[in-house]
Amino acid sequence: VDYRECVENSVNIMRGVNAVSKYLHIDNVIIAVEDNKPIALQILKEIADSAADTGKVKVMALKSKYPQGAEKMIIQSATGRKMPPGKLPSDVGCVVMNVASIAFVGRYVATGKPLVSRSMTIDGSAIKTPKNVRVPIGTMMDYIVDYCGGFTEEPEKIVCGGPMMGAAITNINYPVLKGNNALLAFKKGDLSIKKETDCIRCGRCADTCPMSLYPAMVETALRIGDKEKLNSLNINYCMEC
């Protein structure tokens, strides 16, 4: 849905950018998009180039990798600044807004209509007809699934949110909240859950960690409940990927 927002509602995005930068006195704006979305990049670049304050808004293509969209990562990738543990983006001179949020600001400025609905992606192998939908906040998720044709079979796993950062839920008897952007349902056998194996201290987890932590040491401290060790390992910097 964030991709569709860029493609279909770029005018609202730019209107929101202009409003936020005006009232918060922000001189530089970066619209960061992963490089696997060339159409969104092109559309946003065209509308940014046509803005009144040419040069104030820049569109930046970032390498497509997880967790590029996370707040700490996007600040570091786009500006080179590192957000210290326990700090906020404002502490490093940044404001980070999701594209759906900034587009809402743009719509609100134009219409005065509050946030009463949101876009959601309904997808996964157990969904009969996957769709992007616009739903009123408070709509029951089972109603939305029915609108998408229902389940093809009883799903083995249901995830509220995206495939990487979403949370598993046991059923769909929940209302849509303003922060919900997706509902995913998977058939049995479609999930590859690898069996945990013993750590051999190869160090690959430390090389991969986007927050430059030592996951093997974090896990050991967690298993034995050593809170002091966890703090010394900067556990609060972990983004739980």
C-alpha atoms as a PDB file:
ATOM      1  CA  VAL A   1       0.000   0.000   0.000  1.00  0.00           C
ATOM      2  CA  ASP A   2       2.907   2.412   0.588  1.00  0.00           C
ATOM      3  CA  TYR A   3       4.088   1.738  -2.970  1.00  0.00           C
ATOM      4  CA  ARG A   4       0.604   2.415  -4.349  1.00  0.00           C
ATOM      5  CA  GLU A   5       0.471   5.621  -2.284  1.00  0.00           C
ATOM      6  CA  CYS A   6       3.624   6.822  -4.056  1.00  0.00           C
ATOM      7  CA  VAL A   7       2.295   5.907  -7.501  1.00  0.00           C
ATOM      8  CA  GLU A   8      -1.302   7.092  -7.126  1.00  0.00           C
ATOM      9  CA  ASN A   9      -1.210   9.897  -4.542  1.00  0.00           C
ATOM     10  CA  SER A  10       2.105  11.657  -5.100  1.00  0.00           C
ATOM     11  CA  VAL A  11       0.335  15.050  -5.117  1.00  0.00           C
ATOM     12  CA  ASN A  12      -0.869  14.449  -1.549  1.00  0.00           C
ATOM     13  CA  ILE A  13       2.638  13.349  -0.543  1.00  0.00           C
ATOM     14  CA  MET A  14       4.166  16.563  -1.867  1.00  0.00           C
ATOM     15  CA  ARG A  15       1.394  18.663  -0.306  1.00  0.00           C
ATOM     16  CA  GLY A  16       2.113  17.001   3.053  1.00  0.00           C
ATOM     17  CA  VAL A  17       5.861  17.519   2.651  1.00  0.00           C
ATOM     18  CA  ASN A  18       5.319  21.212   1.974  1.00  0.00           C
ATOM     19  CA  ALA A  19       3.056  21.623   5.019  1.00  0.00           C
ATOM     20  CA  VAL A  20       5.359  19.805   7.459  1.00  0.00           C
ATOM     21  CA  SER A  21       8.498  21.544   6.215  1.00  0.00           C
ATOM     22  CA  LYS A  22       6.767  24.938   6.385  1.00  0.00           C
ATOM     23  CA  TYR A  23       5.401  24.659   9.923  1.00  0.00           C
ATOM     24  CA  LEU A  24       8.437  22.874  11.390  1.00  0.00           C
ATOM     25  CA  HIS A  25      10.874  25.180   9.547  1.00  0.00           C
ATOM     26  CA  ILE A  26      12.675  22.319   7.777  1.00  0.00           C
ATOM     27  CA  ASP A  27      15.064  23.365   5.007  1.00  0.00           C
ATOM     28  CA  ASN A  28      15.977  19.948   3.547  1.00  0.00           C
ATOM     29  CA  VAL A  29      13.647  17.075   2.711  1.00  0.00           C
ATOM     30  CA  ILE A  30      14.661  13.609   1.503  1.00  0.00           C
ATOM     31  CA  ILE A  31      12.100  11.218   0.055  1.00  0.00           C
ATOM     32  CA  ALA A  32      13.841   7.846   0.370  1.00  0.00           C
ATOM     33  CA  VAL A  33      12.637   4.967  -1.808  1.00  0.00           C
ATOM     34  CA  GLU A  34      14.188   1.527  -2.221  1.00  0.00           C
ATOM     35  CA  ASP A  35      15.714   1.029  -5.667  1.00  0.00           C
ATOM     36  CA  ASN A  36      13.423  -1.902  -6.527  1.00  0.00           C
ATOM     37  CA  LYS A  37      10.558   0.591  -7.059  1.00  0.00           C
ATOM     38  CA  PRO A  38      11.660   2.512 -10.179  1.00  0.00           C
ATOM     39  CA  ILE A  39       8.150   3.719 -11.113  1.00  0.00           C
ATOM     40  CA  ALA A  40       7.611   5.284  -7.683  1.00  0.00           C
ATOM     41  CA  LEU A  41      11.076   6.872  -7.884  1.00  0.00           C
ATOM     42  CA  GLN A  42      10.321   8.374 -11.297  1.00  0.00           C
ATOM     43  CA  ILE A  43       6.906   9.777 -10.312  1.00  0.00           C
ATOM     44  CA  LEU A  44       8.165  11.289  -7.060  1.00  0.00           C
ATOM     45  CA  LYS A  45      11.229  12.778  -8.768  1.00  0.00           C
ATOM     46  CA  GLU A  46       9.064  14.432 -11.418  1.00  0.00           C
ATOM     47  CA  ILE A  47       6.746  16.004  -8.850  1.00  0.00           C
ATOM     48  CA  ALA A  48       9.670  17.048  -6.614  1.00  0.00           C
ATOM     49  CA  ASP A  49      11.388  18.727  -9.580  1.00  0.00           C
ATOM     50  CA  SER A  50       8.208  20.693 -10.306  1.00  0.00           C
ATOM     51  CA  ALA A  51       7.857  21.931  -6.705  1.00  0.00           C
ATOM     52  CA  ALA A  52       8.040  25.653  -5.979  1.00  0.00           C
ATOM     53  CA  ASP A  53      11.207  25.334  -3.875  1.00  0.00           C
ATOM     54  CA  THR A  54      13.255  23.366  -6.388  1.00  0.00           C
ATOM     55  CA  GLY A  55      16.221  21.694  -4.688  1.00  0.00           C
ATOM     56  CA  LYS A  56      14.653  21.677  -1.233  1.00  0.00           C
ATOM     57  CA  VAL A  57      13.092  18.242  -1.807  1.00  0.00           C
ATOM     58  CA  LYS A  58      15.371  15.460  -3.015  1.00  0.00           C
ATOM     59  CA  VAL A  59      14.336  11.937  -4.003  1.00  0.00           C
ATOM     60  CA  MET A  60      16.957   9.355  -3.006  1.00  0.00           C
ATOM     61  CA  ALA A  61      17.143   5.736  -4.172  1.00  0.00           C
ATOM     62  CA  LEU A  62      18.341   3.444  -1.384  1.00  0.00           C
ATOM     63  CA  LYS A  63      19.602  -0.104  -1.764  1.00  0.00           C
ATOM     64  CA  SER A  64      16.750  -2.579  -1.440  1.00  0.00           C
ATOM     65  CA  LYS A  65      17.519  -4.632   1.640  1.00  0.00           C
ATOM     66  CA  TYR A  66      15.957  -5.454   4.992  1.00  0.00           C
ATOM     67  CA  PRO A  67      15.604  -3.478   7.254  1.00  0.00           C
ATOM     68  CA  GLN A  68      16.149  -0.390   5.085  1.00  0.00           C
ATOM     69  CA  GLY A  69      12.774   1.110   6.000  1.00  0.00           C
ATOM     70  CA  ALA A  70      13.434   1.062   9.756  1.00  0.00           C
ATOM     71  CA  GLU A  71      13.772   4.495  11.335  1.00  0.00           C
ATOM     72  CA  LYS A  72      17.386   4.134  12.516  1.00  0.00           C
ATOM     73  CA  MET A  73      18.486   2.583   9.227  1.00  0.00           C
ATOM     74  CA  ILE A  74      16.824   5.130   6.983  1.00  0.00           C
ATOM     75  CA  ILE A  75      18.409   8.017   8.917  1.00  0.00           C
ATOM     76  CA  GLN A  76      21.866   6.465   8.594  1.00  0.00           C
ATOM     77  CA  SER A  77      21.426   5.554   4.912  1.00  0.00           C
ATOM     78  CA  ALA A  78      19.971   8.915   3.880  1.00  0.00           C
ATOM     79  CA  THR A  79      22.035  11.304   6.027  1.00  0.00           C
ATOM     80  CA  GLY A  80      25.003   9.335   7.380  1.00  0.00           C
ATOM     81  CA  ARG A  81      23.945  10.201  10.944  1.00  0.00           C
ATOM     82  CA  LYS A  82      23.770   7.470  13.596  1.00  0.00           C
ATOM     83  CA  MET A  83      20.940   7.579  16.111  1.00  0.00           C
ATOM     84  CA  PRO A  84      22.332   6.642  19.560  1.00  0.00           C
ATOM     85  CA  PRO A  85      20.521   4.045  21.692  1.00  0.00           C
ATOM     86  CA  GLY A  86      17.511   5.435  23.528  1.00  0.00           C
ATOM     87  CA  LYS A  87      17.456   8.603  21.435  1.00  0.00           C
ATOM     88  CA  LEU A  88      14.862   9.994  19.017  1.00  0.00           C
ATOM     89  CA  PRO A  89      15.335  11.156  15.407  1.00  0.00           C
ATOM     90  CA  SER A  90      15.038  14.757  16.630  1.00  0.00           C
ATOM     91  CA  ASP A  91      18.209  14.206  18.686  1.00  0.00           C
ATOM     92  CA  VAL A  92      20.153  13.910  15.419  1.00  0.00           C
ATOM     93  CA  GLY A  93      18.233  16.720  13.702  1.00  0.00           C
ATOM     94  CA  CYS A  94      15.771  14.561  11.755  1.00  0.00           C
ATOM     95  CA  VAL A  95      12.036  14.007  11.423  1.00  0.00           C
ATOM     96  CA  VAL A  96      11.020  10.662   9.900  1.00  0.00           C
ATOM     97  CA  MET A  97       7.520  10.140   8.519  1.00  0.00           C
ATOM     98  CA  ASN A  98       6.006   7.172   6.724  1.00  0.00           C
ATOM     99  CA  VAL A  99       4.673   7.954   3.260  1.00  0.00           C
ATOM    100  CA  ALA A 100       1.087   7.131   4.314  1.00  0.00           C
ATOM    101  CA  SER A 101       1.340   9.579   7.229  1.00  0.00           C
ATOM    102  CA  ILE A 102       2.718  12.421   5.129  1.00  0.00           C
ATOM    103  CA  ALA A 103       0.054  11.793   2.460  1.00  0.00           C
ATOM    104  CA  PHE A 104      -2.634  12.005   5.153  1.00  0.00           C
ATOM    105  CA  VAL A 105      -1.263  15.394   6.219  1.00  0.00           C
ATOM    106  CA  GLY A 106      -1.553  16.480   2.591  1.00  0.00           C
ATOM    107  CA  ARG A 107      -5.167  15.315   2.373  1.00  0.00           C
ATOM    108  CA  TYR A 108      -6.015  16.942   5.705  1.00  0.00           C
ATOM    109  CA  VAL A 109      -4.562  20.291   4.625  1.00  0.00           C
ATOM    110  CA  ALA A 110      -6.681  20.163   1.468  1.00  0.00           C
ATOM    111  CA  THR A 111      -9.960  18.846   2.908  1.00  0.00           C
ATOM    112  CA  GLY A 112      -9.937  19.165   6.705  1.00  0.00           C
ATOM    113  CA  LYS A 113     -11.078  15.532   6.916  1.00  0.00           C
ATOM    114  CA  PRO A 114      -9.564  13.684   9.917  1.00  0.00           C
ATOM    115  CA  LEU A 115      -8.029  10.211   9.779  1.00  0.00           C
ATOM    116  CA  VAL A 116     -11.101   7.970   9.523  1.00  0.00           C
ATOM    117  CA  SER A 117      -9.823   5.339   7.082  1.00  0.00           C
ATOM    118  CA  ARG A 118      -6.617   3.728   5.920  1.00  0.00           C
ATOM    119  CA  SER A 119      -5.231   1.580   3.106  1.00  0.00           C
ATOM    120  CA  MET A 120      -4.363  -2.079   3.716  1.00  0.00           C
ATOM    121  CA  THR A 121      -2.809  -4.906   1.726  1.00  0.00           C
ATOM    122  CA  ILE A 122      -4.713  -8.182   2.101  1.00  0.00           C
ATOM    123  CA  ASP A 123      -2.453 -10.931   0.754  1.00  0.00           C
ATOM    124  CA  GLY A 124      -0.965 -14.379   1.258  1.00  0.00           C
ATOM    125  CA  SER A 125      -1.471 -17.837  -0.214  1.00  0.00           C
ATOM    126  CA  ALA A 126      -4.604 -18.482   1.893  1.00  0.00           C
ATOM    127  CA  ILE A 127      -6.430 -15.360   0.628  1.00  0.00           C
ATOM    128  CA  LYS A 128      -8.686 -16.158  -2.352  1.00  0.00           C
ATOM    129  CA  THR A 129      -8.427 -12.738  -4.056  1.00  0.00           C
ATOM    130  CA  PRO A 130      -5.564 -10.595  -2.716  1.00  0.00           C
ATOM    131  CA  LYS A 131      -6.295  -6.859  -2.857  1.00  0.00           C
ATOM    132  CA  ASN A 132      -5.276  -3.421  -1.702  1.00  0.00           C
ATOM    133  CA  VAL A 133      -8.299  -1.950   0.061  1.00  0.00           C
ATOM    134  CA  ARG A 134      -9.311   1.335   1.669  1.00  0.00           C
ATOM    135  CA  VAL A 135     -11.247   0.646   4.868  1.00  0.00           C
ATOM    136  CA  PRO A 136     -12.809   2.718   7.665  1.00  0.00           C
ATOM    137  CA  ILE A 137     -10.863   2.472  10.931  1.00  0.00           C
ATOM    138  CA  GLY A 138     -12.765   0.084  13.202  1.00  0.00           C
ATOM    139  CA  THR A 139     -13.783  -2.315  10.408  1.00  0.00           C
ATOM    140  CA  MET A 140     -13.516  -5.932  11.550  1.00  0.00           C
ATOM    141  CA  MET A 141     -10.762  -7.869   9.771  1.00  0.00           C
ATOM    142  CA  ASP A 142     -13.009 -10.879   9.150  1.00  0.00           C
ATOM    143  CA  TYR A 143     -15.306  -8.596   7.135  1.00  0.00           C
ATOM    144  CA  ILE A 144     -12.343  -7.454   4.992  1.00  0.00           C
ATOM    145  CA  VAL A 145     -11.225 -11.050   4.389  1.00  0.00           C
ATOM    146  CA  ASP A 146     -14.766 -11.928   3.296  1.00  0.00           C
ATOM    147  CA  TYR A 147     -14.642  -8.983   0.880  1.00  0.00           C
ATOM    148  CA  CYS A 148     -11.475 -10.526  -0.604  1.00  0.00           C
ATOM    149  CA  GLY A 149     -13.245 -13.852  -1.192  1.00  0.00           C
ATOM    150  CA  GLY A 150     -12.410 -15.411   2.154  1.00  0.00           C
ATOM    151  CA  PHE A 151      -9.793 -18.078   2.830  1.00  0.00           C
ATOM    152  CA  THR A 152      -9.062 -20.794   0.276  1.00  0.00           C
ATOM    153  CA  GLU A 153      -8.364 -23.060   3.249  1.00  0.00           C
ATOM    154  CA  GLU A 154      -7.794 -22.706   6.978  1.00  0.00           C
ATOM    155  CA  PRO A 155      -4.563 -20.662   7.239  1.00  0.00           C
ATOM    156  CA  GLU A 156      -1.637 -22.039   9.202  1.00  0.00           C
ATOM    157  CA  LYS A 157      -0.435 -18.551  10.101  1.00  0.00           C
ATOM    158  CA  ILE A 158      -2.013 -15.093  10.078  1.00  0.00           C
ATOM    159  CA  VAL A 159       0.164 -11.996  10.302  1.00  0.00           C
ATOM    160  CA  CYS A 160      -1.070  -8.486  11.067  1.00  0.00           C
ATOM    161  CA  GLY A 161       1.401  -6.188   9.337  1.00  0.00           C
ATOM    162  CA  GLY A 162       4.161  -6.823   6.826  1.00  0.00           C
ATOM    163  CA  PRO A 163       6.013 -10.119   6.338  1.00  0.00           C
ATOM    164  CA  MET A 164       9.155  -8.957   8.177  1.00  0.00           C
ATOM    165  CA  MET A 165       7.901  -6.832  11.080  1.00  0.00           C
ATOM    166  CA  GLY A 166       4.265  -7.949  11.380  1.00  0.00           C
ATOM    167  CA  ALA A 167       2.885  -9.747  14.439  1.00  0.00           C
ATOM    168  CA  ALA A 168       1.261 -13.198  14.325  1.00  0.00           C
ATOM    169  CA  ILE A 169      -2.376 -13.305  15.467  1.00  0.00           C
ATOM    170  CA  THR A 170      -4.554 -16.314  16.289  1.00  0.00           C
ATOM    171  CA  ASN A 171      -7.726 -15.153  14.500  1.00  0.00           C
ATOM    172  CA  ILE A 172      -9.168 -12.209  12.551  1.00  0.00           C
ATOM    173  CA  ASN A 173     -11.757 -11.050  15.068  1.00  0.00           C
ATOM    174  CA  TYR A 174      -9.989  -7.728  15.504  1.00  0.00           C
ATOM    175  CA  PRO A 175     -10.853  -4.204  14.352  1.00  0.00           C
ATOM    176  CA  VAL A 176      -8.578  -2.246  12.017  1.00  0.00           C
ATOM    177  CA  LEU A 177      -6.533   0.388  13.866  1.00  0.00           C
ATOM    178  CA  LYS A 178      -4.817   3.427  12.383  1.00  0.00           C
ATOM    179  CA  GLY A 179      -1.431   1.648  12.427  1.00  0.00           C
ATOM    180  CA  ASN A 180      -2.537  -1.488  10.526  1.00  0.00           C
ATOM    181  CA  ASN A 181      -1.206  -1.608   6.973  1.00  0.00           C
ATOM    182  CA  ALA A 182      -1.536  -5.289   6.034  1.00  0.00           C
ATOM    183  CA  LEU A 183      -3.114  -8.642   6.830  1.00  0.00           C
ATOM    184  CA  LEU A 184      -1.355 -11.765   5.541  1.00  0.00           C
ATOM    185  CA  ALA A 185      -2.647 -15.342   5.676  1.00  0.00           C
ATOM    186  CA  PHE A 186      -0.556 -18.384   4.681  1.00  0.00           C
ATOM    187  CA  LYS A 187      -1.481 -21.952   3.804  1.00  0.00           C
ATOM    188  CA  LYS A 188       0.001 -24.896   5.624  1.00  0.00           C
ATOM    189  CA  GLY A 189       3.384 -25.802   4.203  1.00  0.00           C
ATOM    190  CA  ASP A 190       4.099 -22.351   2.777  1.00  0.00           C
ATOM    191  CA  LEU A 191       6.205 -21.248   5.712  1.00  0.00           C
ATOM    192  CA  SER A 192       9.784 -22.394   5.950  1.00  0.00           C
ATOM    193  CA  ILE A 193      10.600 -22.271   9.662  1.00  0.00           C
ATOM    194  CA  LYS A 194      14.165 -23.456  10.109  1.00  0.00           C
ATOM    195  CA  LYS A 195      15.150 -25.493  13.133  1.00  0.00           C
ATOM    196  CA  GLU A 196      17.442 -23.673  15.532  1.00  0.00           C
ATOM    197  CA  THR A 197      20.968 -25.093  15.603  1.00  0.00           C
ATOM    198  CA  ASP A 198      23.909 -24.662  17.959  1.00  0.00           C
ATOM    199  CA  CYS A 199      26.006 -21.517  17.575  1.00  0.00           C
ATOM    200  CA  ILE A 200      29.472 -22.247  16.160  1.00  0.00           C
ATOM    201  CA  ARG A 201      30.777 -18.682  16.674  1.00  0.00           C
ATOM    202  CA  CYS A 202      31.207 -18.049  12.963  1.00  0.00           C
ATOM    203  CA  GLY A 203      30.464 -14.349  13.434  1.00  0.00           C
ATOM    204  CA  ARG A 204      28.107 -14.034  10.473  1.00  0.00           C
ATOM    205  CA  CYS A 205      25.319 -12.659  12.673  1.00  0.00           C
ATOM    206  CA  ALA A 206      27.579  -9.813  13.838  1.00  0.00           C
ATOM    207  CA  ASP A 207      28.590  -9.063  10.238  1.00  0.00           C
ATOM    208  CA  THR A 208      24.918  -8.948   9.196  1.00  0.00           C
ATOM    209  CA  CYS A 209      23.392  -7.056  12.136  1.00  0.00           C
ATOM    210  CA  PRO A 210      22.183  -3.653  10.823  1.00  0.00           C
ATOM    211  CA  MET A 211      22.669  -2.121  14.279  1.00  0.00           C
ATOM    212  CA  SER A 212      26.284  -3.441  14.616  1.00  0.00           C
ATOM    213  CA  LEU A 213      25.465  -5.568  17.683  1.00  0.00           C
ATOM    214  CA  TYR A 214      26.727  -9.028  18.684  1.00  0.00           C
ATOM    215  CA  PRO A 215      23.595 -11.224  18.419  1.00  0.00           C
ATOM    216  CA  ALA A 216      25.293 -14.403  19.727  1.00  0.00           C
ATOM    217  CA  MET A 217      26.373 -12.617  22.912  1.00  0.00           C
ATOM    218  CA  VAL A 218      22.943 -10.986  23.232  1.00  0.00           C
ATOM    219  CA  GLU A 219      21.246 -14.383  22.998  1.00  0.00           C
ATOM    220  CA  THR A 220      23.553 -15.910  25.633  1.00  0.00           C
ATOM    221  CA  ALA A 221      22.930 -13.051  28.054  1.00  0.00           C
ATOM    222  CA  LEU A 222      19.206 -13.308  27.397  1.00  0.00           C
ATOM    223  CA  ARG A 223      19.126 -17.050  28.095  1.00  0.00           C
ATOM    224  CA  ILE A 224      20.809 -16.652  31.491  1.00  0.00           C
ATOM    225  CA  GLY A 225      18.901 -13.468  32.374  1.00  0.00           C
ATOM    226  CA  ASP A 226      21.990 -11.259  32.754  1.00  0.00           C
ATOM    227  CA  LYS A 227      20.417  -7.774  32.591  1.00  0.00           C
ATOM    228  CA  GLU A 228      23.687  -5.930  33.201  1.00  0.00           C
ATOM    229  CA  LYS A 229      25.335  -7.761  30.318  1.00  0.00           C
ATOM    230  CA  LEU A 230      22.372  -7.023  28.039  1.00  0.00           C
ATOM    231  CA  ASN A 231      22.658  -3.321  28.849  1.00  0.00           C
ATOM    232  CA  SER A 232      26.400  -3.348  28.170  1.00  0.00           C
ATOM    233  CA  LEU A 233      25.650  -4.980  24.797  1.00  0.00           C
ATOM    234  CA  ASN A 234      23.280  -2.092  23.935  1.00  0.00           C
ATOM    235  CA  ILE A 235      20.189  -4.305  23.861  1.00  0.00           C
ATOM    236  CA  ASN A 236      17.977  -1.204  23.560  1.00  0.00           C
ATOM    237  CA  TYR A 237      19.500  -0.609  20.148  1.00  0.00           C
ATOM    238  CA  CYS A 238      18.179  -3.972  18.902  1.00  0.00           C
ATOM    239  CA  MET A 239      15.284  -3.694  16.438  1.00  0.00           C
ATOM    240  CA  GLU A 240      14.207  -7.314  16.963  1.00  0.00           C
ATOM    241  CA  CYS A 241      14.567  -8.444  13.353  1.00  0.00           C
END
